[in-house]
C-alpha cells in the first residue's frame, strides 16, 4: 500500500503565486509607504491606503507570515526586510516589486510556447525581442532600468574594490543601465576615467538620474554589437552575457577585445552556478524573456577561448554573483614567464574557486 499524495503541499505549490500577488498589491496601494514613518493602527493604514479594513487586516496577516511586517498590540510596523520595499530605503527593491508582476508575469504564463519552440515567449506576446520592445515603451523601460539599478546597488558593493586593485586608468561599463555601478566605482576612485555605453534612450535616463554623479561619467549612446573605436584598460560586462546565446555572446566579446588594451582586463559579472540544474528557474526566466542562459565556469572558459581570453580570477559577490577577471592569453602567458623568472606578478594573478 502506497502513501496518499501530499495534497496540501501540492495545493500550496499551485497557489504559490498568491504570496507575490499580496506583496505586489500591498505595494500598489501604498501600504509599505504608509508604514515607512513608523507604527500605525489598522484604521490608520486603512485610511492611508483607502482600502477596506477587514481586507487590509488579511493582507497584514499574510505579510506578517512573510516577515515583512510585525504586529505589536493594535499597531503594525515594517520589519527590516519590509523596509526594503519602501522607496526611501537605502537599498530598495520597490521597482522590482512592480516589474516582476507586469510583462514578466504574462511571459511566464506562456512558458509552454518556449518549451515547445525554444523561442522566447516574450517575442510571441509583444511582437519584438524584449530590448527592442523597451526602446518604444518608455514607462516599462524606466521600470526595468530602475529595477536593475536596485539589484546592482545591492549585489555589486564589492566590485569597486576588486576593480581598483588592478589600478585601471580608463574604464567602460558596457550595457550598464543608468550607471549605478559606474557611480559606485567613481565614489571609490574619483580619479578614474569612467565611461558608460548604453542604448540612446537609456543614456537619456542616465542623464536625468543623478546629475552630480553622471556629469563625471562620460555617457556614450551605442550598441555593444558595434562598439565605438577607443581603448580602455578595464571593461565591465555586468549581467550582459547571460541574455544572449553563445554566438551573440562571442560577437560581444569580439567587440570588447577590439577596445581593450593589450594589458587590460575584462570584468564579467554573472551568476556562476556549480551545476546547470541549480539555476533551473532562473534559466527558464531567461528562456522566456531573452533566450539567454546562466553558464557554468567551464562554459565561460570555453566562450572566452573563442576570443583568446583566459580567466585569471573568480571572486564571489552577493546573491550568487561572481566577478570573472579575464585578460588576453598573450598577457597571461607573459605574466607566467615573469613569474617563473622571479618577477613581480601583481595582484590577481591566481585562479581561485570563489
Protein backbone atom coordinates (compact mmCIF):
# COMPACT_ATOMS: atom_id res chain seq x y z
CA UNK A 1 0.00 0.00 0.00
CA UNK A 2 1.43 3.36 -1.05
CA UNK A 3 1.09 6.63 0.79
CA UNK A 4 -1.50 9.13 -0.42
CA UNK A 5 -0.19 12.16 -2.30
CA UNK A 6 0.56 15.20 -0.15
CA UNK A 7 -2.43 17.18 -1.40
CA UNK A 8 -1.80 20.10 0.96
CA UNK A 9 1.75 20.54 -0.34
CA UNK A 10 0.62 20.24 -3.95
CA UNK A 11 -2.14 22.80 -3.42
CA UNK A 12 0.37 25.16 -1.81
CA UNK A 13 2.61 24.84 -4.87
CA UNK A 14 -0.28 25.55 -7.24
CA UNK A 15 -1.14 28.73 -5.34
CA UNK A 16 2.42 29.82 -4.56
CA UNK A 17 1.92 32.95 -6.66
CA UNK A 18 -0.55 34.26 -4.06
CA UNK A 19 2.30 35.48 -1.84
CA UNK A 20 3.86 37.55 -4.60
CA UNK A 21 0.43 38.93 -5.50
CA UNK A 22 -0.09 40.09 -1.91
CA UNK A 23 3.27 41.92 -1.92
CA UNK A 24 2.55 43.45 -5.34
CA UNK A 25 -0.88 44.69 -4.29
CA UNK A 26 0.37 45.95 -0.94
CA UNK A 27 2.99 47.99 -2.76
CA UNK A 28 0.47 49.34 -5.29
CA UNK A 29 -1.94 50.57 -2.61
CA UNK A 30 0.90 52.25 -0.70
CA UNK A 31 0.85 50.01 2.37
CA UNK A 32 4.64 49.89 2.75
CA UNK A 33 4.88 53.66 2.43
CA UNK A 34 2.08 54.06 4.98
CA UNK A 35 4.24 52.19 7.50
CA UNK A 36 7.51 53.82 6.46
CA UNK A 37 7.34 56.51 9.15
CA UNK A 38 6.70 54.07 11.99
CA UNK A 39 3.91 52.20 13.75
CA UNK A 40 0.29 52.56 12.61
CA UNK A 41 -3.05 51.10 13.61
CA UNK A 42 -5.31 49.14 11.27
CA UNK A 43 -7.62 52.15 10.89
CA UNK A 44 -4.70 54.45 10.10
CA UNK A 45 -3.39 52.03 7.47
CA UNK A 46 -6.87 51.64 6.02
CA UNK A 47 -7.29 55.42 5.76
CA UNK A 48 -3.83 55.90 4.23
CA UNK A 49 -4.43 53.23 1.58
CA UNK A 50 -8.15 53.97 1.09
CA UNK A 51 -8.91 50.26 1.47
CA UNK A 52 -11.41 48.16 3.44
CA UNK A 53 -10.12 47.45 6.99
CA UNK A 54 -11.30 43.84 7.06
CA UNK A 55 -9.37 43.01 3.90
CA UNK A 56 -6.33 45.07 4.82
CA UNK A 57 -6.10 43.01 8.01
CA UNK A 58 -5.89 39.86 5.88
CA UNK A 59 -3.08 41.42 3.86
CA UNK A 60 -1.22 42.39 7.04
CA UNK A 61 -1.60 38.86 8.39
CA UNK A 62 -0.09 37.46 5.18
CA UNK A 63 2.77 39.95 5.23
CA UNK A 64 3.48 39.10 8.85
CA UNK A 65 3.85 35.42 7.93
CA UNK A 66 6.31 36.52 5.25
CA UNK A 67 8.19 38.53 7.91
CA UNK A 68 7.68 41.83 6.08
CA UNK A 69 5.57 43.42 8.84
CA UNK A 70 5.03 42.68 12.52
CA UNK A 71 2.23 43.48 14.94
CA UNK A 72 2.64 44.97 18.40
CA UNK A 73 -0.67 45.21 20.21
CA UNK A 74 -3.02 47.11 17.91
CA UNK A 75 -0.21 48.60 15.86
CA UNK A 76 1.73 47.38 12.85
CA UNK A 77 5.23 48.21 11.67
CA UNK A 78 7.69 47.17 8.98
CA UNK A 79 10.42 44.63 9.64
CA UNK A 80 13.93 45.19 8.35
CA UNK A 81 13.03 43.11 5.27
CA UNK A 82 9.81 45.08 4.79
CA UNK A 83 11.77 48.34 4.77
CA UNK A 84 13.47 47.20 1.55
CA UNK A 85 10.11 47.58 -0.23
CA UNK A 86 9.87 51.31 0.53
CA UNK A 87 11.11 53.84 -1.99
CA UNK A 88 13.26 55.65 0.57
CA UNK A 89 15.25 52.59 1.68
CA UNK A 90 18.99 52.84 1.07
CA UNK A 91 18.86 49.55 -0.82
CA UNK A 92 15.30 49.43 -2.13
CA UNK A 93 13.52 46.74 -4.15
CA UNK A 94 10.43 48.86 -4.71
CA UNK A 95 10.66 48.93 -8.52
CA UNK A 96 11.30 45.20 -8.60
CA UNK A 97 8.09 44.63 -6.60
CA UNK A 98 6.20 46.00 -9.60
CA UNK A 99 8.35 44.81 -12.51
CA UNK A 100 8.06 41.08 -11.85
CA UNK A 101 4.26 41.32 -11.95
CA UNK A 102 3.88 43.01 -15.31
CA UNK A 103 5.35 41.77 -18.63
CA UNK A 104 7.38 39.10 -16.87
CA UNK A 105 4.28 37.52 -15.37
CA UNK A 106 2.45 37.40 -18.70
CA UNK A 107 5.55 35.93 -20.33
CA UNK A 108 5.75 33.15 -17.75
CA UNK A 109 2.10 32.30 -18.46
CA UNK A 110 3.30 31.31 -21.94
CA UNK A 111 6.21 29.14 -20.82
CA UNK A 112 4.76 26.19 -22.76
CA UNK A 113 5.41 28.08 -26.03
CA UNK A 114 9.11 28.39 -25.18
CA UNK A 115 9.30 24.76 -24.11
CA UNK A 116 7.94 23.62 -27.49
CA UNK A 117 9.72 26.07 -29.79
CA UNK A 118 12.87 27.12 -27.93
CA UNK A 119 11.93 30.74 -28.69
CA UNK A 120 11.29 33.48 -26.10
CA UNK A 121 7.59 33.73 -25.27
CA UNK A 122 8.09 37.49 -24.87
CA UNK A 123 8.52 37.88 -28.63
CA UNK A 124 5.36 35.89 -29.30
CA UNK A 125 3.29 38.08 -26.97
CA UNK A 126 4.75 41.52 -27.62
CA UNK A 127 5.96 41.13 -31.21
CA UNK A 128 9.61 42.08 -30.64
CA UNK A 129 12.66 40.93 -28.67
CA UNK A 130 12.49 42.37 -25.16
CA UNK A 131 15.22 45.01 -25.52
CA UNK A 132 13.82 46.26 -28.84
CA UNK A 133 10.37 46.43 -27.23
CA UNK A 134 11.77 48.52 -24.38
CA UNK A 135 13.03 51.08 -26.91
CA UNK A 136 9.43 52.07 -27.77
CA UNK A 137 7.81 51.55 -24.36
CA UNK A 138 9.14 54.27 -22.10
CA UNK A 139 7.38 53.57 -18.80
CA UNK A 140 8.15 49.85 -18.89
CA UNK A 141 11.77 50.58 -19.86
CA UNK A 142 12.17 53.02 -16.95
CA UNK A 143 10.73 50.48 -14.53
CA UNK A 144 13.07 47.75 -15.81
CA UNK A 145 16.13 50.02 -15.63
CA UNK A 146 15.24 51.18 -12.13
CA UNK A 147 14.83 47.58 -11.03
CA UNK A 148 18.22 46.63 -12.49
CA UNK A 149 19.69 49.67 -10.74
CA UNK A 150 18.27 48.44 -7.43
CA UNK A 151 19.82 45.00 -7.85
CA UNK A 152 23.17 46.49 -8.90
CA UNK A 153 23.39 48.64 -5.76
CA UNK A 154 22.77 45.55 -3.62
CA UNK A 155 24.77 42.91 -5.49
CA UNK A 156 27.80 44.91 -6.68
CA UNK A 157 29.02 46.54 -3.45
CA UNK A 158 32.33 44.62 -3.58
CA UNK A 159 33.01 45.31 -7.25
CA UNK A 160 34.75 48.73 -7.00
CA UNK A 161 37.35 47.35 -4.58
CA UNK A 162 38.01 44.38 -6.89
CA UNK A 163 38.47 46.61 -9.94
CA UNK A 164 40.63 49.17 -8.13
CA UNK A 165 43.22 46.53 -7.22
CA UNK A 166 44.09 46.33 -10.92
CA UNK A 167 44.75 50.11 -10.97
CA UNK A 168 42.89 50.94 -14.19
CA UNK A 169 43.05 54.45 -15.61
CA UNK A 170 40.26 54.26 -18.17
CA UNK A 171 37.18 52.07 -17.70
CA UNK A 172 33.99 51.47 -19.67
CA UNK A 173 30.85 49.74 -18.42
CA UNK A 174 29.12 48.26 -21.48
CA UNK A 175 25.36 47.82 -21.13
CA UNK A 176 25.49 49.21 -17.59
CA UNK A 177 21.95 50.61 -17.46
CA UNK A 178 21.63 54.06 -15.89
CA UNK A 179 25.09 53.87 -14.35
CA UNK A 180 24.66 52.56 -10.80
CA UNK A 181 27.90 50.57 -10.92
CA UNK A 182 29.77 53.44 -12.61
CA UNK A 183 28.71 55.73 -9.77
CA UNK A 184 29.88 53.20 -7.16
CA UNK A 185 33.25 52.84 -8.92
CA UNK A 186 33.71 56.62 -9.09
CA UNK A 187 32.88 57.02 -5.40
CA UNK A 188 35.73 54.66 -4.55
CA UNK A 189 38.14 56.06 -7.15
CA UNK A 190 37.32 59.68 -8.13
CA UNK A 191 40.39 59.98 -10.39
CA UNK A 192 39.38 57.09 -12.65
CA UNK A 193 38.05 57.99 -16.11
CA UNK A 194 34.71 56.18 -16.31
CA UNK A 195 32.56 55.72 -19.41
CA UNK A 196 29.09 54.18 -19.72
CA UNK A 197 27.81 52.75 -23.01
CA UNK A 198 24.09 52.06 -23.40
CA UNK A 199 21.25 52.41 -25.85
CA UNK A 200 20.45 56.09 -26.59
CA UNK A 201 17.14 56.07 -24.72
CA UNK A 202 18.79 54.60 -21.60
CA UNK A 203 21.59 57.18 -21.80
CA UNK A 204 18.92 59.91 -21.66
CA UNK A 205 17.57 58.35 -18.46
CA UNK A 206 21.09 58.16 -17.03
CA UNK A 207 21.50 61.90 -17.60
CA UNK A 208 18.40 62.58 -15.50
CA UNK A 209 19.14 60.05 -12.77
CA UNK A 210 21.83 61.80 -10.78
CA UNK A 211 23.36 64.83 -12.41
CA UNK A 212 26.01 65.30 -9.74
CA UNK A 213 27.48 61.87 -10.38
CA UNK A 214 26.66 61.22 -14.01
CA UNK A 215 28.29 64.51 -15.07
CA UNK A 216 31.58 62.86 -14.10
CA UNK A 217 30.77 59.81 -16.23
CA UNK A 218 31.15 60.06 -19.99
CA UNK A 219 27.83 58.79 -21.37
CA UNK A 220 28.10 57.08 -24.76
CA UNK A 221 24.99 56.11 -26.74
CA UNK A 222 25.72 52.97 -28.71
CA UNK A 223 25.35 49.26 -29.24
CA UNK A 224 27.61 46.58 -27.79
CA UNK A 225 27.49 44.67 -31.08
CA UNK A 226 29.23 47.64 -32.71
CA UNK A 227 31.39 49.42 -30.15
CA UNK A 228 32.94 52.81 -30.96
CA UNK A 229 36.67 52.65 -31.60
CA UNK A 230 38.62 53.59 -28.49
CA UNK A 231 40.94 51.91 -25.99
CA UNK A 232 40.36 51.01 -22.33
CA UNK A 233 42.41 49.14 -19.77
CA UNK A 234 39.24 47.98 -17.96
CA UNK A 235 35.94 46.81 -19.48
CA UNK A 236 32.92 45.73 -17.44
CA UNK A 237 30.13 43.45 -18.68
CA UNK A 238 27.58 43.10 -15.87
CA UNK A 239 24.54 40.86 -16.43
CA UNK A 240 25.03 41.14 -20.19
CA UNK A 241 26.25 37.79 -21.50
CA UNK A 242 23.53 35.74 -19.79
CA UNK A 243 20.94 37.45 -22.02
CA UNK A 244 22.47 36.05 -25.21
CA UNK A 245 23.11 32.70 -26.83
CA UNK A 246 26.73 31.66 -27.44
CA UNK A 247 27.05 33.06 -30.97
CA UNK A 248 25.85 36.53 -29.93
CA UNK A 249 27.95 36.41 -26.76
CA UNK A 250 31.08 35.72 -28.80
CA UNK A 251 30.23 38.70 -31.03
CA UNK A 252 30.04 40.92 -27.96
CA UNK A 253 33.35 39.57 -26.68
CA UNK A 254 34.98 40.18 -30.07
CA UNK A 255 33.90 43.82 -29.86
CA UNK A 256 35.33 44.04 -26.34
CA UNK A 257 38.64 42.55 -27.47
CA UNK A 258 38.94 45.31 -30.09
CA UNK A 259 38.71 48.11 -27.49
CA UNK A 260 40.69 46.50 -24.64
CA UNK A 261 44.34 47.47 -24.32
CA UNK A 262 46.97 44.72 -24.57
CA UNK A 263 47.38 44.53 -20.80
CA UNK A 264 43.80 45.41 -19.97
CA UNK A 265 41.24 43.37 -18.04
CA UNK A 266 37.66 42.41 -18.77
CA UNK A 267 35.45 42.08 -15.67
CA UNK A 268 32.44 39.82 -16.25
CA UNK A 269 29.72 39.88 -13.58
CA UNK A 270 27.28 36.98 -13.73
CA UNK A 271 25.74 34.24 -11.64
CA UNK A 272 28.03 31.23 -11.56
CA UNK A 273 26.18 28.05 -10.55
CA UNK A 274 28.07 24.86 -9.77
CA UNK A 275 25.57 22.79 -11.77
CA UNK A 276 23.14 23.61 -14.57
CA UNK A 277 20.20 22.30 -12.55
CA UNK A 278 20.96 24.72 -9.73
CA UNK A 279 19.70 27.60 -11.90
CA UNK A 280 16.66 25.93 -13.49
CA UNK A 281 14.11 28.60 -12.54
CA UNK A 282 16.41 31.46 -13.49
CA UNK A 283 17.25 29.75 -16.78
CA UNK A 284 13.57 29.32 -17.57
CA UNK A 285 13.05 33.04 -16.92
CA UNK A 286 15.86 33.88 -19.32
CA UNK A 287 14.48 31.40 -21.87
CA UNK A 288 11.02 33.02 -21.94
CA UNK A 289 12.31 36.61 -21.96
CA UNK A 290 15.66 36.94 -23.76
CA UNK A 291 16.55 33.45 -24.95
CA UNK A 292 19.71 33.52 -22.84
CA UNK A 293 21.07 31.26 -20.10
CA UNK A 294 23.25 31.17 -16.99
CA UNK A 295 26.57 29.44 -17.64
CA UNK A 296 28.95 27.29 -15.65
CA UNK A 297 32.58 28.27 -15.07
CA UNK A 298 33.79 25.85 -17.72
CA UNK A 299 31.25 27.23 -20.19
CA UNK A 300 32.64 30.75 -19.69
CA UNK A 301 36.14 29.36 -20.13
CA UNK A 302 35.11 27.89 -23.48
CA UNK A 303 33.23 31.03 -24.53
CA UNK A 304 36.22 33.26 -23.77
CA UNK A 305 38.60 30.94 -25.61
CA UNK A 306 36.90 31.95 -28.88
CA UNK A 307 38.38 35.44 -28.45
CA UNK A 308 41.66 34.17 -26.94
CA UNK A 309 40.85 35.36 -23.41
CA UNK A 310 41.52 33.45 -20.20
CA UNK A 311 40.06 33.73 -16.70
CA UNK A 312 42.73 34.71 -14.14
CA UNK A 313 40.48 35.07 -11.09
CA UNK A 314 36.94 34.32 -9.89
CA UNK A 315 35.58 36.30 -6.94
CA UNK A 316 32.18 35.76 -5.36
CA UNK A 317 29.79 38.65 -4.66
CA UNK A 318 26.33 38.84 -3.08
CA UNK A 319 23.39 36.61 -4.01
CA UNK A 320 25.28 34.07 -6.11
CA UNK A 321 27.02 36.56 -8.41
CA UNK A 322 30.71 36.38 -9.28
CA UNK A 323 33.31 38.57 -10.94
CA UNK A 324 35.34 36.73 -13.55
CA UNK A 325 38.55 38.67 -14.19
CA UNK A 326 39.88 37.92 -17.65
CA UNK A 327 42.73 39.02 -19.88
CA UNK A 328 44.25 38.07 -23.21
CA UNK A 329 46.03 34.74 -23.40
CA UNK A 330 49.20 36.51 -24.59
CA UNK A 331 49.23 38.73 -21.49
CA UNK A 332 48.58 35.74 -19.22
CA UNK A 333 51.48 33.82 -20.78
CA UNK A 334 53.83 36.79 -20.44
CA UNK A 335 52.95 37.13 -16.78
CA UNK A 336 53.52 33.40 -16.25
CA UNK A 337 57.01 33.77 -17.78
CA UNK A 338 57.79 36.69 -15.46
CA UNK A 339 56.63 34.61 -12.51
CA UNK A 340 58.92 31.72 -13.48
CA UNK A 341 61.79 34.18 -13.73
CA UNK A 342 61.03 35.52 -10.26
CA UNK A 343 59.42 38.80 -11.33
CA UNK A 344 56.53 40.50 -9.58
CA UNK A 345 53.28 39.14 -10.87
CA UNK A 346 50.97 41.63 -9.15
CA UNK A 347 47.54 41.18 -7.59
CA UNK A 348 45.03 39.00 -9.35
CA UNK A 349 47.46 36.52 -10.82
CA UNK A 350 45.90 33.48 -9.19
CA UNK A 351 42.92 31.43 -10.24
CA UNK A 352 40.64 30.86 -7.28
CA UNK A 353 37.38 28.94 -6.93
CA UNK A 354 35.46 31.86 -5.43
